[in-house]
Amino acid sequence: MTDVTVSPAAVEDKTIATEKWALLIALILVAVLAMNTALFGLVGLSMTALTLVPVIFVVLVIIMVGG
């Protein structure tokens, strides 16, 4: 019999993929926040910020826990 070794780079980790998705979602939400602020001024900033508070909280929990 031959011994088969698998390098750590060959094994895909699901938590890394989850963190990448969470980061992508966070970046998209921040882009929406910036766009609404640019278009609607302070009113757009406040409405978007209040709306995104629970969403950003969930994204941060996903990033910290790792999925």
C-alpha atoms as a PDB file:
ATOM      1  CA  MET A   1       0.000   0.000   0.000  1.00  0.00           C
ATOM      2  CA  THR A   2       1.044   3.555  -0.579  1.00  0.00           C
ATOM      3  CA  ASP A   3       0.491   6.420   1.779  1.00  0.00           C
ATOM      4  CA  VAL A   4      -1.517   9.278   0.337  1.00  0.00           C
ATOM      5  CA  THR A   5      -1.005  12.686   1.851  1.00  0.00           C
ATOM      6  CA  VAL A   6      -3.247  15.614   1.166  1.00  0.00           C
ATOM      7  CA  SER A   7      -1.821  19.094   1.409  1.00  0.00           C
ATOM      8  CA  PRO A   8      -3.807  21.657   3.429  1.00  0.00           C
ATOM      9  CA  ALA A   9      -4.168  23.796   0.304  1.00  0.00           C
ATOM     10  CA  ALA A  10      -6.028  20.971  -1.452  1.00  0.00           C
ATOM     11  CA  VAL A  11      -8.692  20.758   1.244  1.00  0.00           C
ATOM     12  CA  GLU A  12     -11.399  23.375   0.851  1.00  0.00           C
ATOM     13  CA  ASP A  13     -12.663  24.947   4.044  1.00  0.00           C
ATOM     14  CA  LYS A  14     -16.333  25.944   4.118  1.00  0.00           C
ATOM     15  CA  THR A  15     -15.797  28.682   6.696  1.00  0.00           C
ATOM     16  CA  ILE A  16     -13.484  30.590   4.397  1.00  0.00           C
ATOM     17  CA  ALA A  17     -16.106  30.556   1.651  1.00  0.00           C
ATOM     18  CA  THR A  18     -18.762  31.719   4.113  1.00  0.00           C
ATOM     19  CA  GLU A  19     -16.571  34.558   5.311  1.00  0.00           C
ATOM     20  CA  LYS A  20     -15.935  35.647   1.727  1.00  0.00           C
ATOM     21  CA  TRP A  21     -19.672  35.745   1.044  1.00  0.00           C
ATOM     22  CA  ALA A  22     -20.310  37.682   4.244  1.00  0.00           C
ATOM     23  CA  LEU A  23     -17.590  40.179   3.327  1.00  0.00           C
ATOM     24  CA  LEU A  24     -19.047  40.581  -0.162  1.00  0.00           C
ATOM     25  CA  ILE A  25     -22.498  41.246   1.300  1.00  0.00           C
ATOM     26  CA  ALA A  26     -21.043  43.787   3.735  1.00  0.00           C
ATOM     27  CA  LEU A  27     -19.219  45.587   0.918  1.00  0.00           C
ATOM     28  CA  ILE A  28     -22.380  45.726  -1.197  1.00  0.00           C
ATOM     29  CA  LEU A  29     -24.376  47.131   1.713  1.00  0.00           C
ATOM     30  CA  VAL A  30     -21.762  49.804   2.384  1.00  0.00           C
ATOM     31  CA  ALA A  31     -21.833  50.712  -1.329  1.00  0.00           C
ATOM     32  CA  VAL A  32     -25.631  51.092  -1.147  1.00  0.00           C
ATOM     33  CA  LEU A  33     -25.228  53.276   1.946  1.00  0.00           C
ATOM     34  CA  ALA A  34     -22.739  55.512   0.151  1.00  0.00           C
ATOM     35  CA  MET A  35     -24.913  55.731  -2.959  1.00  0.00           C
ATOM     36  CA  ASN A  36     -28.027  56.718  -0.970  1.00  0.00           C
ATOM     37  CA  THR A  37     -26.037  59.331   0.929  1.00  0.00           C
ATOM     38  CA  ALA A  38     -24.742  60.803  -2.327  1.00  0.00           C
ATOM     39  CA  LEU A  39     -28.198  60.849  -3.926  1.00  0.00           C
ATOM     40  CA  PHE A  40     -30.412  61.918  -1.008  1.00  0.00           C
ATOM     41  CA  GLY A  41     -28.019  63.584   1.412  1.00  0.00           C
ATOM     42  CA  LEU A  42     -28.444  63.285   5.154  1.00  0.00           C
ATOM     43  CA  VAL A  43     -31.968  61.851   4.878  1.00  0.00           C
ATOM     44  CA  GLY A  44     -30.704  59.003   2.684  1.00  0.00           C
ATOM     45  CA  LEU A  45     -27.884  58.331   5.124  1.00  0.00           C
ATOM     46  CA  SER A  46     -30.188  58.122   8.136  1.00  0.00           C
ATOM     47  CA  MET A  47     -32.828  55.940   6.471  1.00  0.00           C
ATOM     48  CA  THR A  48     -30.264  53.513   5.083  1.00  0.00           C
ATOM     49  CA  ALA A  49     -28.266  53.373   8.310  1.00  0.00           C
ATOM     50  CA  LEU A  50     -31.354  52.576  10.367  1.00  0.00           C
ATOM     51  CA  THR A  51     -32.402  49.906   7.899  1.00  0.00           C
ATOM     52  CA  LEU A  52     -28.981  48.248   7.771  1.00  0.00           C
ATOM     53  CA  VAL A  53     -28.363  48.009  11.542  1.00  0.00           C
ATOM     54  CA  PRO A  54     -29.805  44.479  11.955  1.00  0.00           C
ATOM     55  CA  VAL A  55     -28.371  43.326   8.625  1.00  0.00           C
ATOM     56  CA  ILE A  56     -24.840  44.472   9.471  1.00  0.00           C
ATOM     57  CA  PHE A  57     -25.178  42.854  12.900  1.00  0.00           C
ATOM     58  CA  VAL A  58     -26.015  39.493  11.316  1.00  0.00           C
ATOM     59  CA  VAL A  59     -23.160  39.821   8.817  1.00  0.00           C
ATOM     60  CA  LEU A  60     -20.693  40.591  11.603  1.00  0.00           C
ATOM     61  CA  VAL A  61     -21.887  37.587  13.593  1.00  0.00           C
ATOM     62  CA  ILE A  62     -21.431  35.367  10.525  1.00  0.00           C
ATOM     63  CA  ILE A  63     -17.909  36.715   9.999  1.00  0.00           C
ATOM     64  CA  MET A  64     -16.942  36.260  13.649  1.00  0.00           C
ATOM     65  CA  VAL A  65     -18.495  32.817  14.149  1.00  0.00           C
ATOM     66  CA  GLY A  66     -17.502  31.569  10.728  1.00  0.00           C
ATOM     67  CA  GLY A  67     -20.780  30.267   9.448  1.00  0.00           C
END
